[in-house]
Amino acid sequence: MGTLNRGRLLRVAGWSAAWVACFWAFLVIGLPTETAKGWLADRLGQEFDAAFSFEELHVRWNLGVRLKGISIENPPFKRPPSATASADGVTMRLDSFRADPRLFSLISGKPDIDFIGDTSSGGQLSGSYAAGALSFSFRDVSFKDLSIPAIPLPSNTTLRGSGTLKVVPDHGTIDIEIDGIPGGKQKLKIPGGTAHGKLTIVVSLPTLS
């Protein structure tokens, strides 16, 4: 009886392993690129309440992704009902982006992810996403790759800093500390919609010759 049970368990395990291997292969080499791009853009858009688009996408064996030509358009921050106007949205462009899930977290269905991205002008963004919280840092990000209509600065201005954001159902608040601008260090508190957290930014203005 024990031998039969062991044989049955081995067959079940064998079929399960084969199914997982086929599913993995389909994701890595068989999923149509446009379908994968649309699915990923839609998933990220729902998670972060922003619009994502990519020119190229490649899925790796560990379900990590490699992206090129990324555009992120964040909608205007949500204002209280009493406000008469909304702030302008933010647009960021990345030349390349790499995200890799931590393998053991894949079992939960909500993987923890490490990521790194580069801009065409030499800036870098890196961090991780785990348990609904986003932690990141950035350096040498130029206003050539970042558009913030509410902050009209020269295109060769660069930013560095770090932040932590957590996705919340609604009524999030983002505390922002900005240094390096005329008037000295400033602290802002803005409605974050579905994001709640803290952001520290250091501005490097171009020197006048």
N, C-alpha and C. Protein backbone atom coordinates (compact mmCIF):
# COMPACT_ATOMS: atom_id res chain seq x y z
N MET A 1 0.83 -1.21 0.00
CA MET A 1 0.00 0.00 0.00
C MET A 1 0.87 1.25 0.00
N GLY A 2 1.94 1.22 0.85
CA GLY A 2 2.85 2.35 0.92
C GLY A 2 3.53 2.60 -0.40
N THR A 3 3.90 1.48 -1.11
CA THR A 3 4.55 1.63 -2.40
C THR A 3 3.62 2.29 -3.41
N LEU A 4 2.31 1.88 -3.40
CA LEU A 4 1.34 2.47 -4.32
C LEU A 4 1.17 3.96 -4.04
N ASN A 5 1.08 4.30 -2.74
CA ASN A 5 0.92 5.71 -2.40
C ASN A 5 2.12 6.53 -2.84
N ARG A 6 3.33 5.94 -2.63
CA ARG A 6 4.53 6.66 -3.04
C ARG A 6 4.55 6.84 -4.55
N GLY A 7 4.12 5.78 -5.28
CA GLY A 7 4.09 5.88 -6.74
C GLY A 7 3.11 6.93 -7.21
N ARG A 8 1.94 6.96 -6.57
CA ARG A 8 0.94 7.96 -6.95
C ARG A 8 1.45 9.37 -6.66
N LEU A 9 2.08 9.55 -5.49
CA LEU A 9 2.62 10.86 -5.15
C LEU A 9 3.70 11.30 -6.13
N LEU A 10 4.53 10.35 -6.55
CA LEU A 10 5.58 10.68 -7.51
C LEU A 10 4.99 11.10 -8.85
N ARG A 11 3.90 10.39 -9.27
CA ARG A 11 3.26 10.75 -10.55
C ARG A 11 2.64 12.14 -10.46
N VAL A 12 1.95 12.41 -9.33
CA VAL A 12 1.34 13.73 -9.15
C VAL A 12 2.41 14.82 -9.14
N ALA A 13 3.51 14.54 -8.42
CA ALA A 13 4.59 15.52 -8.37
C ALA A 13 5.20 15.73 -9.75
N GLY A 14 5.34 14.64 -10.50
CA GLY A 14 5.90 14.74 -11.84
C GLY A 14 5.03 15.57 -12.76
N TRP A 15 3.71 15.31 -12.73
CA TRP A 15 2.78 16.09 -13.56
C TRP A 15 2.75 17.54 -13.13
N SER A 16 2.81 17.80 -11.84
CA SER A 16 2.81 19.18 -11.34
C SER A 16 4.06 19.92 -11.80
N ALA A 17 5.21 19.25 -11.70
CA ALA A 17 6.45 19.87 -12.13
C ALA A 17 6.42 20.16 -13.63
N ALA A 18 5.86 19.23 -14.41
CA ALA A 18 5.77 19.43 -15.85
C ALA A 18 4.85 20.60 -16.18
N TRP A 19 3.72 20.70 -15.45
CA TRP A 19 2.79 21.81 -15.70
C TRP A 19 3.44 23.14 -15.37
N VAL A 20 4.15 23.20 -14.22
CA VAL A 20 4.82 24.44 -13.85
C VAL A 20 5.88 24.81 -14.88
N ALA A 21 6.63 23.81 -15.36
CA ALA A 21 7.67 24.07 -16.36
C ALA A 21 7.06 24.60 -17.66
N CYS A 22 5.94 24.02 -18.08
CA CYS A 22 5.27 24.49 -19.31
C CYS A 22 4.73 25.90 -19.13
N PHE A 23 4.13 26.16 -17.96
CA PHE A 23 3.59 27.49 -17.69
C PHE A 23 4.70 28.53 -17.68
N TRP A 24 5.81 28.18 -17.05
CA TRP A 24 6.97 29.07 -16.99
C TRP A 24 7.48 29.36 -18.40
N ALA A 25 7.60 28.29 -19.23
CA ALA A 25 8.09 28.47 -20.59
C ALA A 25 7.16 29.35 -21.41
N PHE A 26 5.84 29.17 -21.20
CA PHE A 26 4.88 30.00 -21.93
C PHE A 26 5.05 31.47 -21.56
N LEU A 27 5.23 31.76 -20.26
CA LEU A 27 5.40 33.14 -19.84
C LEU A 27 6.67 33.75 -20.40
N VAL A 28 7.74 32.95 -20.41
CA VAL A 28 9.04 33.48 -20.80
C VAL A 28 9.18 33.62 -22.31
N ILE A 29 8.74 32.60 -23.08
CA ILE A 29 8.99 32.65 -24.52
C ILE A 29 7.73 32.59 -25.37
N GLY A 30 6.58 32.28 -24.76
CA GLY A 30 5.40 32.10 -25.59
C GLY A 30 4.35 33.18 -25.48
N LEU A 31 4.43 34.03 -24.46
CA LEU A 31 3.42 35.06 -24.29
C LEU A 31 3.66 36.17 -25.30
N PRO A 32 2.67 36.50 -26.14
CA PRO A 32 2.86 37.56 -27.13
C PRO A 32 3.29 38.87 -26.47
N THR A 33 4.27 39.53 -27.09
CA THR A 33 4.86 40.73 -26.49
C THR A 33 3.83 41.82 -26.23
N GLU A 34 2.98 42.09 -27.22
CA GLU A 34 2.00 43.16 -27.05
C GLU A 34 1.01 42.84 -25.93
N THR A 35 0.65 41.56 -25.81
CA THR A 35 -0.24 41.15 -24.73
C THR A 35 0.42 41.36 -23.38
N ALA A 36 1.69 40.98 -23.28
CA ALA A 36 2.43 41.15 -22.03
C ALA A 36 2.58 42.62 -21.67
N LYS A 37 2.88 43.46 -22.67
CA LYS A 37 3.04 44.89 -22.42
C LYS A 37 1.73 45.50 -21.93
N GLY A 38 0.62 45.13 -22.57
CA GLY A 38 -0.68 45.66 -22.17
C GLY A 38 -1.07 45.22 -20.77
N TRP A 39 -0.82 43.93 -20.48
CA TRP A 39 -1.17 43.41 -19.15
C TRP A 39 -0.36 44.10 -18.07
N LEU A 40 0.98 44.25 -18.29
CA LEU A 40 1.84 44.85 -17.28
C LEU A 40 1.50 46.33 -17.09
N ALA A 41 1.26 47.06 -18.18
CA ALA A 41 0.91 48.48 -18.07
C ALA A 41 -0.40 48.66 -17.30
N ASP A 42 -1.37 47.77 -17.57
CA ASP A 42 -2.65 47.86 -16.89
C ASP A 42 -2.51 47.54 -15.40
N ARG A 43 -1.71 46.51 -15.08
CA ARG A 43 -1.52 46.11 -13.68
C ARG A 43 -0.81 47.22 -12.89
N LEU A 44 0.23 47.79 -13.48
CA LEU A 44 0.95 48.87 -12.80
C LEU A 44 0.07 50.10 -12.66
N GLY A 45 -0.73 50.39 -13.69
CA GLY A 45 -1.61 51.54 -13.63
C GLY A 45 -2.63 51.43 -12.52
N GLN A 46 -3.17 50.22 -12.32
CA GLN A 46 -4.13 50.00 -11.24
C GLN A 46 -3.46 50.10 -9.87
N GLU A 47 -2.23 49.59 -9.78
CA GLU A 47 -1.54 49.56 -8.49
C GLU A 47 -1.10 50.96 -8.05
N PHE A 48 -0.64 51.78 -9.02
CA PHE A 48 -0.06 53.07 -8.66
C PHE A 48 -0.87 54.27 -9.14
N ASP A 49 -2.04 54.02 -9.71
CA ASP A 49 -2.91 55.11 -10.15
C ASP A 49 -2.17 56.04 -11.11
N ALA A 50 -1.52 55.47 -12.11
CA ALA A 50 -0.76 56.24 -13.10
C ALA A 50 -0.82 55.51 -14.44
N ALA A 51 -0.43 56.20 -15.50
CA ALA A 51 -0.44 55.60 -16.84
C ALA A 51 0.99 55.19 -17.22
N PHE A 52 1.17 53.92 -17.62
CA PHE A 52 2.48 53.39 -18.00
C PHE A 52 2.45 52.96 -19.47
N SER A 53 3.57 53.16 -20.15
CA SER A 53 3.73 52.63 -21.51
C SER A 53 5.19 52.25 -21.72
N PHE A 54 5.44 51.24 -22.58
CA PHE A 54 6.79 50.75 -22.84
C PHE A 54 6.96 50.50 -24.34
N GLU A 55 8.17 50.71 -24.82
CA GLU A 55 8.47 50.40 -26.21
C GLU A 55 8.89 48.94 -26.38
N GLU A 56 9.64 48.42 -25.43
CA GLU A 56 10.11 47.04 -25.50
C GLU A 56 9.94 46.37 -24.14
N LEU A 57 9.64 45.07 -24.17
CA LEU A 57 9.51 44.28 -22.94
C LEU A 57 10.08 42.89 -23.18
N HIS A 58 10.89 42.42 -22.24
CA HIS A 58 11.42 41.05 -22.29
C HIS A 58 11.22 40.41 -20.92
N VAL A 59 10.67 39.20 -20.91
CA VAL A 59 10.45 38.46 -19.66
C VAL A 59 11.57 37.43 -19.50
N ARG A 60 12.20 37.40 -18.33
CA ARG A 60 13.30 36.49 -18.07
C ARG A 60 12.81 35.21 -17.41
N TRP A 61 13.72 34.25 -17.26
CA TRP A 61 13.36 32.93 -16.72
C TRP A 61 12.79 33.02 -15.31
N ASN A 62 13.22 34.03 -14.52
CA ASN A 62 12.75 34.16 -13.14
C ASN A 62 11.53 35.07 -13.04
N LEU A 63 10.88 35.35 -14.18
CA LEU A 63 9.73 36.25 -14.29
C LEU A 63 10.11 37.71 -14.05
N GLY A 64 11.41 38.00 -14.05
CA GLY A 64 11.84 39.39 -14.03
C GLY A 64 11.58 40.00 -15.41
N VAL A 65 11.51 41.30 -15.47
CA VAL A 65 11.25 41.97 -16.74
C VAL A 65 12.35 42.98 -17.05
N ARG A 66 12.59 43.16 -18.34
CA ARG A 66 13.50 44.18 -18.85
C ARG A 66 12.68 45.07 -19.77
N LEU A 67 12.68 46.37 -19.50
CA LEU A 67 11.88 47.31 -20.28
C LEU A 67 12.77 48.36 -20.90
N LYS A 68 12.34 48.87 -22.05
CA LYS A 68 13.02 49.99 -22.70
C LYS A 68 11.98 51.00 -23.17
N GLY A 69 12.36 52.27 -23.16
CA GLY A 69 11.46 53.31 -23.61
C GLY A 69 10.22 53.43 -22.74
N ILE A 70 10.41 53.70 -21.46
CA ILE A 70 9.29 53.73 -20.50
C ILE A 70 8.81 55.16 -20.29
N SER A 71 7.51 55.32 -20.27
CA SER A 71 6.90 56.61 -19.95
C SER A 71 5.90 56.40 -18.82
N ILE A 72 6.00 57.25 -17.80
CA ILE A 72 5.10 57.17 -16.64
C ILE A 72 4.40 58.52 -16.51
N GLU A 73 3.11 58.51 -16.61
CA GLU A 73 2.33 59.74 -16.48
C GLU A 73 1.44 59.63 -15.26
N ASN A 74 1.74 60.44 -14.27
CA ASN A 74 0.98 60.43 -13.03
C ASN A 74 -0.14 61.46 -13.13
N PRO A 75 -1.37 61.09 -12.82
CA PRO A 75 -2.46 62.05 -12.91
C PRO A 75 -2.31 63.15 -11.87
N PRO A 76 -3.03 64.26 -12.02
CA PRO A 76 -2.95 65.33 -11.03
C PRO A 76 -3.27 64.81 -9.63
N PHE A 77 -2.59 65.35 -8.63
CA PHE A 77 -2.88 64.96 -7.26
C PHE A 77 -4.32 65.33 -6.93
N LYS A 78 -4.96 64.47 -6.19
CA LYS A 78 -6.35 64.72 -5.83
C LYS A 78 -6.42 65.85 -4.79
N ARG A 79 -7.28 66.80 -5.08
CA ARG A 79 -7.46 67.95 -4.19
C ARG A 79 -8.73 67.79 -3.36
N PRO A 80 -8.79 68.48 -2.24
CA PRO A 80 -10.04 68.47 -1.48
C PRO A 80 -11.17 69.04 -2.32
N PRO A 81 -12.43 68.67 -2.05
CA PRO A 81 -13.56 69.15 -2.84
C PRO A 81 -13.66 70.67 -2.88
N SER A 82 -13.14 71.36 -1.85
CA SER A 82 -13.24 72.81 -1.81
C SER A 82 -12.28 73.51 -2.76
N ALA A 83 -11.26 72.77 -3.27
CA ALA A 83 -10.27 73.39 -4.14
C ALA A 83 -10.90 73.71 -5.49
N THR A 84 -10.46 74.82 -6.08
CA THR A 84 -11.03 75.24 -7.36
C THR A 84 -10.22 74.74 -8.54
N ALA A 85 -8.99 74.30 -8.32
CA ALA A 85 -8.15 73.81 -9.42
C ALA A 85 -7.28 72.68 -8.92
N SER A 86 -6.84 71.83 -9.84
CA SER A 86 -5.98 70.70 -9.47
C SER A 86 -4.57 70.95 -9.96
N ALA A 87 -3.61 70.35 -9.27
CA ALA A 87 -2.21 70.50 -9.68
C ALA A 87 -1.96 69.73 -10.96
N ASP A 88 -0.94 70.18 -11.69
CA ASP A 88 -0.59 69.48 -12.93
C ASP A 88 0.06 68.16 -12.61
N GLY A 89 -0.11 67.21 -13.52
CA GLY A 89 0.47 65.90 -13.32
C GLY A 89 1.95 65.88 -13.63
N VAL A 90 2.59 64.74 -13.34
CA VAL A 90 4.02 64.57 -13.53
C VAL A 90 4.27 63.50 -14.58
N THR A 91 5.24 63.75 -15.46
CA THR A 91 5.62 62.77 -16.47
C THR A 91 7.11 62.46 -16.32
N MET A 92 7.44 61.17 -16.34
CA MET A 92 8.85 60.75 -16.24
C MET A 92 9.15 59.75 -17.33
N ARG A 93 10.32 59.88 -17.93
CA ARG A 93 10.74 58.94 -18.98
C ARG A 93 12.03 58.24 -18.55
N LEU A 94 12.05 56.91 -18.73
CA LEU A 94 13.23 56.10 -18.43
C LEU A 94 13.70 55.43 -19.71
N ASP A 95 15.01 55.37 -19.88
CA ASP A 95 15.56 54.70 -21.06
C ASP A 95 15.48 53.19 -20.90
N SER A 96 15.78 52.70 -19.71
CA SER A 96 15.71 51.25 -19.44
C SER A 96 15.29 51.03 -18.00
N PHE A 97 14.73 49.84 -17.75
CA PHE A 97 14.24 49.50 -16.41
C PHE A 97 14.31 47.99 -16.25
N ARG A 98 14.80 47.56 -15.09
CA ARG A 98 14.89 46.13 -14.80
C ARG A 98 14.24 45.86 -13.45
N ALA A 99 13.35 44.88 -13.41
CA ALA A 99 12.68 44.49 -12.16
C ALA A 99 12.76 42.98 -12.00
N ASP A 100 13.18 42.54 -10.82
CA ASP A 100 13.33 41.11 -10.55
C ASP A 100 12.60 40.74 -9.26
N PRO A 101 11.71 39.75 -9.32
CA PRO A 101 11.03 39.30 -8.09
C PRO A 101 11.98 38.49 -7.22
N ARG A 102 11.80 38.57 -5.92
CA ARG A 102 12.54 37.70 -5.01
C ARG A 102 11.88 36.33 -5.08
N LEU A 103 12.67 35.32 -5.43
CA LEU A 103 12.13 34.02 -5.83
C LEU A 103 11.19 33.41 -4.80
N PHE A 104 11.55 33.45 -3.52
CA PHE A 104 10.71 32.80 -2.51
C PHE A 104 9.37 33.52 -2.32
N SER A 105 9.32 34.80 -2.69
CA SER A 105 8.07 35.55 -2.54
C SER A 105 7.08 35.24 -3.65
N LEU A 106 7.53 34.58 -4.73
CA LEU A 106 6.62 34.26 -5.84
C LEU A 106 5.51 33.31 -5.40
N ILE A 107 5.79 32.50 -4.37
CA ILE A 107 4.82 31.51 -3.90
C ILE A 107 3.55 32.19 -3.39
N SER A 108 3.69 33.37 -2.80
CA SER A 108 2.54 34.05 -2.21
C SER A 108 1.60 34.65 -3.24
N GLY A 109 2.07 34.80 -4.49
CA GLY A 109 1.26 35.44 -5.52
C GLY A 109 1.38 36.94 -5.52
N LYS A 110 2.02 37.51 -4.48
CA LYS A 110 2.27 38.95 -4.41
C LYS A 110 3.76 39.14 -4.16
N PRO A 111 4.56 39.00 -5.20
CA PRO A 111 6.01 38.95 -5.02
C PRO A 111 6.61 40.29 -4.59
N ASP A 112 7.68 40.21 -3.81
CA ASP A 112 8.50 41.37 -3.51
C ASP A 112 9.43 41.60 -4.69
N ILE A 113 9.67 42.83 -5.05
CA ILE A 113 10.38 43.14 -6.29
C ILE A 113 11.51 44.13 -6.03
N ASP A 114 12.68 43.86 -6.60
CA ASP A 114 13.79 44.81 -6.61
C ASP A 114 13.90 45.39 -8.02
N PHE A 115 14.19 46.69 -8.12
CA PHE A 115 14.22 47.30 -9.44
C PHE A 115 15.33 48.34 -9.56
N ILE A 116 15.69 48.62 -10.81
CA ILE A 116 16.67 49.67 -11.11
C ILE A 116 16.36 50.19 -12.51
N GLY A 117 16.46 51.50 -12.68
CA GLY A 117 16.18 52.11 -13.96
C GLY A 117 17.18 53.21 -14.28
N ASP A 118 17.34 53.52 -15.57
CA ASP A 118 18.26 54.55 -16.02
C ASP A 118 17.55 55.50 -16.97
N THR A 119 17.90 56.78 -16.90
CA THR A 119 17.37 57.75 -17.85
C THR A 119 18.37 57.97 -18.98
N SER A 120 17.91 58.55 -20.06
CA SER A 120 18.78 58.76 -21.21
C SER A 120 19.87 59.79 -20.93
N SER A 121 19.66 60.65 -19.92
CA SER A 121 20.65 61.68 -19.60
C SER A 121 21.58 61.28 -18.45
N GLY A 122 21.53 60.00 -18.04
CA GLY A 122 22.48 59.51 -17.04
C GLY A 122 21.96 59.39 -15.63
N GLY A 123 20.69 59.65 -15.40
CA GLY A 123 20.12 59.50 -14.07
C GLY A 123 19.83 58.05 -13.73
N GLN A 124 19.62 57.78 -12.45
CA GLN A 124 19.34 56.41 -12.03
C GLN A 124 18.28 56.39 -10.93
N LEU A 125 17.42 55.38 -11.00
CA LEU A 125 16.37 55.15 -10.01
C LEU A 125 16.47 53.70 -9.57
N SER A 126 16.43 53.45 -8.26
CA SER A 126 16.51 52.07 -7.77
C SER A 126 15.71 51.94 -6.49
N GLY A 127 15.33 50.70 -6.17
CA GLY A 127 14.59 50.48 -4.95
C GLY A 127 13.93 49.13 -4.91
N SER A 128 12.88 49.01 -4.08
CA SER A 128 12.17 47.74 -3.94
C SER A 128 10.71 48.01 -3.64
N TYR A 129 9.88 46.99 -3.92
CA TYR A 129 8.45 47.05 -3.64
C TYR A 129 8.09 45.78 -2.89
N ALA A 130 7.60 45.93 -1.67
CA ALA A 130 7.27 44.76 -0.85
C ALA A 130 6.11 45.09 0.07
N ALA A 131 5.16 44.17 0.17
CA ALA A 131 4.01 44.30 1.07
C ALA A 131 3.27 45.62 0.87
N GLY A 132 3.11 46.03 -0.40
CA GLY A 132 2.37 47.25 -0.69
C GLY A 132 3.12 48.54 -0.45
N ALA A 133 4.42 48.44 -0.11
CA ALA A 133 5.23 49.63 0.17
C ALA A 133 6.35 49.76 -0.85
N LEU A 134 6.56 50.96 -1.33
CA LEU A 134 7.59 51.26 -2.31
C LEU A 134 8.68 52.08 -1.66
N SER A 135 9.92 51.58 -1.69
CA SER A 135 11.08 52.32 -1.17
C SER A 135 12.03 52.54 -2.34
N PHE A 136 12.52 53.77 -2.50
CA PHE A 136 13.33 54.06 -3.67
C PHE A 136 14.29 55.21 -3.40
N SER A 137 15.31 55.29 -4.24
CA SER A 137 16.23 56.42 -4.23
C SER A 137 16.54 56.77 -5.68
N PHE A 138 16.98 58.00 -5.90
CA PHE A 138 17.29 58.42 -7.27
C PHE A 138 18.42 59.44 -7.22
N ARG A 139 19.14 59.54 -8.32
CA ARG A 139 20.25 60.50 -8.39
C ARG A 139 20.44 60.96 -9.83
N ASP A 140 20.89 62.19 -9.98
CA ASP A 140 21.20 62.77 -11.29
C ASP A 140 20.04 62.69 -12.27
N VAL A 141 18.81 62.77 -11.76
CA VAL A 141 17.64 62.76 -12.65
C VAL A 141 17.45 64.17 -13.19
N SER A 142 17.52 64.32 -14.49
CA SER A 142 17.47 65.62 -15.13
C SER A 142 16.04 65.99 -15.51
N PHE A 143 15.77 67.30 -15.55
CA PHE A 143 14.46 67.76 -15.99
C PHE A 143 14.27 67.57 -17.49
N LYS A 144 15.30 67.04 -18.17
CA LYS A 144 15.12 66.62 -19.56
C LYS A 144 14.27 65.36 -19.62
N ASP A 145 14.29 64.56 -18.54
CA ASP A 145 13.53 63.31 -18.48
C ASP A 145 12.36 63.38 -17.51
N LEU A 146 12.18 64.52 -16.90
CA LEU A 146 11.14 64.67 -15.88
C LEU A 146 10.40 65.98 -16.13
N SER A 147 9.09 65.90 -16.18
CA SER A 147 8.27 67.10 -16.41
C SER A 147 7.35 67.32 -15.21
N ILE A 148 7.54 68.45 -14.54
CA ILE A 148 6.67 68.84 -13.42
C ILE A 148 6.20 70.26 -13.71
N PRO A 149 5.07 70.42 -14.40
CA PRO A 149 4.61 71.76 -14.78
C PRO A 149 4.49 72.72 -13.62
N ALA A 150 4.19 72.20 -12.42
CA ALA A 150 4.04 73.09 -11.27
C ALA A 150 5.38 73.63 -10.77
N ILE A 151 6.51 73.02 -11.22
CA ILE A 151 7.84 73.48 -10.82
C ILE A 151 8.64 73.77 -12.08
N PRO A 152 8.51 74.96 -12.66
CA PRO A 152 9.21 75.28 -13.91
C PRO A 152 10.69 75.58 -13.67
N LEU A 153 11.55 74.58 -13.86
CA LEU A 153 12.99 74.74 -13.68
C LEU A 153 13.71 74.46 -14.99
N PRO A 154 14.93 74.96 -15.17
CA PRO A 154 15.69 74.70 -16.40
C PRO A 154 15.87 73.21 -16.64
N SER A 155 15.97 72.81 -17.92
CA SER A 155 16.04 71.39 -18.26
C SER A 155 17.30 70.72 -17.75
N ASN A 156 18.38 71.49 -17.51
CA ASN A 156 19.61 70.87 -17.00
C ASN A 156 19.69 70.88 -15.48
N THR A 157 18.57 71.16 -14.81
CA THR A 157 18.47 70.96 -13.36
C THR A 157 18.42 69.47 -13.07
N THR A 158 19.10 69.02 -12.02
CA THR A 158 19.07 67.61 -11.66
C THR A 158 18.56 67.43 -10.22
N LEU A 159 18.04 66.23 -9.97
CA LEU A 159 17.48 65.91 -8.66
C LEU A 159 18.14 64.65 -8.12
N ARG A 160 18.24 64.59 -6.80
CA ARG A 160 18.59 63.35 -6.12
C ARG A 160 17.76 63.28 -4.86
N GLY A 161 17.57 62.08 -4.34
CA GLY A 161 16.78 61.95 -3.13
C GLY A 161 16.31 60.54 -2.90
N SER A 162 15.29 60.40 -2.05
CA SER A 162 14.77 59.08 -1.70
C SER A 162 13.35 59.24 -1.19
N GLY A 163 12.66 58.12 -1.08
CA GLY A 163 11.29 58.18 -0.60
C GLY A 163 10.74 56.82 -0.24
N THR A 164 9.64 56.84 0.48
CA THR A 164 8.88 55.63 0.79
C THR A 164 7.41 55.96 0.59
N LEU A 165 6.72 55.11 -0.15
CA LEU A 165 5.31 55.31 -0.41
C LEU A 165 4.57 54.01 -0.19
N LYS A 166 3.39 54.09 0.35
CA LYS A 166 2.56 52.91 0.57
C LYS A 166 1.20 53.14 -0.08
N VAL A 167 0.71 52.13 -0.78
CA VAL A 167 -0.59 52.22 -1.43
C VAL A 167 -1.69 52.11 -0.37
N VAL A 168 -2.60 53.08 -0.36
CA VAL A 168 -3.72 53.10 0.58
C VAL A 168 -5.01 53.25 -0.22
N PRO A 169 -6.16 52.87 0.37
CA PRO A 169 -7.41 52.96 -0.38
C PRO A 169 -7.72 54.38 -0.86
N ASP A 170 -7.44 55.38 -0.02
CA ASP A 170 -7.75 56.76 -0.39
C ASP A 170 -7.25 57.69 0.71
N HIS A 171 -7.27 58.98 0.43
CA HIS A 171 -6.92 60.02 1.40
C HIS A 171 -5.48 59.89 1.89
N GLY A 172 -4.57 59.48 1.00
CA GLY A 172 -3.17 59.44 1.38
C GLY A 172 -2.56 60.83 1.41
N THR A 173 -1.46 60.98 2.14
CA THR A 173 -0.75 62.26 2.22
C THR A 173 0.74 62.00 2.00
N ILE A 174 1.37 62.85 1.19
CA ILE A 174 2.81 62.74 0.93
C ILE A 174 3.51 63.94 1.54
N ASP A 175 4.43 63.69 2.48
CA ASP A 175 5.25 64.74 3.07
C ASP A 175 6.51 64.90 2.22
N ILE A 176 6.75 66.09 1.72
CA ILE A 176 7.88 66.33 0.82
C ILE A 176 8.80 67.37 1.44
N GLU A 177 10.08 67.06 1.45
CA GLU A 177 11.10 68.00 1.90
C GLU A 177 12.00 68.31 0.72
N ILE A 178 12.12 69.58 0.36
CA ILE A 178 12.89 70.00 -0.81
C ILE A 178 14.02 70.92 -0.36
N ASP A 179 15.23 70.63 -0.81
CA ASP A 179 16.39 71.45 -0.47
C ASP A 179 17.11 71.84 -1.77
N GLY A 180 17.84 72.95 -1.72
CA GLY A 180 18.62 73.37 -2.88
C GLY A 180 17.94 74.37 -3.79
N ILE A 181 16.79 74.87 -3.39
CA ILE A 181 16.08 75.85 -4.21
C ILE A 181 16.12 77.21 -3.52
N PRO A 182 15.91 78.30 -4.28
CA PRO A 182 15.91 79.62 -3.65
C PRO A 182 14.91 79.69 -2.50
N GLY A 183 15.35 80.29 -1.39
CA GLY A 183 14.48 80.38 -0.23
C GLY A 183 14.80 79.33 0.83
N GLY A 184 15.73 78.41 0.50
CA GLY A 184 16.13 77.41 1.48
C GLY A 184 15.21 76.20 1.52
N LYS A 185 15.47 75.35 2.49
CA LYS A 185 14.73 74.08 2.62
C LYS A 185 13.25 74.34 2.87
N GLN A 186 12.43 73.59 2.15
CA GLN A 186 10.99 73.75 2.29
C GLN A 186 10.34 72.40 2.56
N LYS A 187 9.28 72.43 3.35
CA LYS A 187 8.50 71.23 3.63
C LYS A 187 7.08 71.42 3.15
N LEU A 188 6.60 70.43 2.41
CA LEU A 188 5.26 70.48 1.86
C LEU A 188 4.48 69.25 2.29
N LYS A 189 3.20 69.40 2.37
CA LYS A 189 2.31 68.27 2.64
C LYS A 189 1.21 68.34 1.59
N ILE A 190 1.14 67.33 0.73
CA ILE A 190 0.17 67.37 -0.36
C ILE A 190 -0.71 66.12 -0.34
N PRO A 191 -1.93 66.24 -0.82
CA PRO A 191 -2.79 65.06 -0.94
C PRO A 191 -2.16 64.07 -1.92
N GLY A 192 -2.06 62.81 -1.54
CA GLY A 192 -1.43 61.81 -2.40
C GLY A 192 -2.40 60.85 -3.04
N GLY A 193 -3.71 61.05 -2.84
CA GLY A 193 -4.67 60.13 -3.45
C GLY A 193 -4.53 58.74 -2.86
N THR A 194 -4.03 57.79 -3.67
CA THR A 194 -3.86 56.42 -3.20
C THR A 194 -2.44 56.14 -2.69
N ALA A 195 -1.62 57.19 -2.54
CA ALA A 195 -0.25 57.02 -2.04
C ALA A 195 -0.08 57.78 -0.73
N HIS A 196 0.67 57.16 0.19
CA HIS A 196 0.93 57.78 1.49
C HIS A 196 2.39 57.56 1.83
N GLY A 197 3.11 58.62 2.19
CA GLY A 197 4.50 58.42 2.55
C GLY A 197 5.29 59.70 2.61
N LYS A 198 6.61 59.58 2.38
CA LYS A 198 7.53 60.69 2.53
C LYS A 198 8.51 60.71 1.37
N LEU A 199 8.87 61.93 0.94
CA LEU A 199 9.78 62.09 -0.19
C LEU A 199 10.76 63.21 0.13
N THR A 200 12.05 62.93 -0.02
CA THR A 200 13.09 63.92 0.20
C THR A 200 13.79 64.20 -1.13
N ILE A 201 13.88 65.48 -1.50
CA ILE A 201 14.45 65.86 -2.79
C ILE A 201 15.53 66.93 -2.58
N VAL A 202 16.67 66.76 -3.23
CA VAL A 202 17.71 67.76 -3.25
C VAL A 202 17.86 68.22 -4.70
N VAL A 203 17.69 69.53 -4.92
CA VAL A 203 17.74 70.10 -6.27
C VAL A 203 19.14 70.68 -6.52
N SER A 204 19.71 70.35 -7.68
CA SER A 204 20.98 70.94 -8.10
C SER A 204 20.70 71.83 -9.29
N LEU A 205 20.69 73.13 -9.07
CA LEU A 205 20.42 74.08 -10.13
C LEU A 205 21.69 74.30 -10.96
N PRO A 206 21.54 74.57 -12.26
CA PRO A 206 22.71 74.82 -13.11
C PRO A 206 23.39 76.11 -12.70
N THR A 207 24.72 76.11 -12.81
CA THR A 207 25.47 77.32 -12.49
C THR A 207 25.46 78.27 -13.68
N LEU A 208 25.36 79.53 -13.38
CA LEU A 208 25.34 80.54 -14.44
C LEU A 208 26.76 80.94 -14.78
N SER A 209 27.06 80.92 -16.08
CA SER A 209 28.42 81.27 -16.51
C SER A 209 28.51 82.76 -16.85
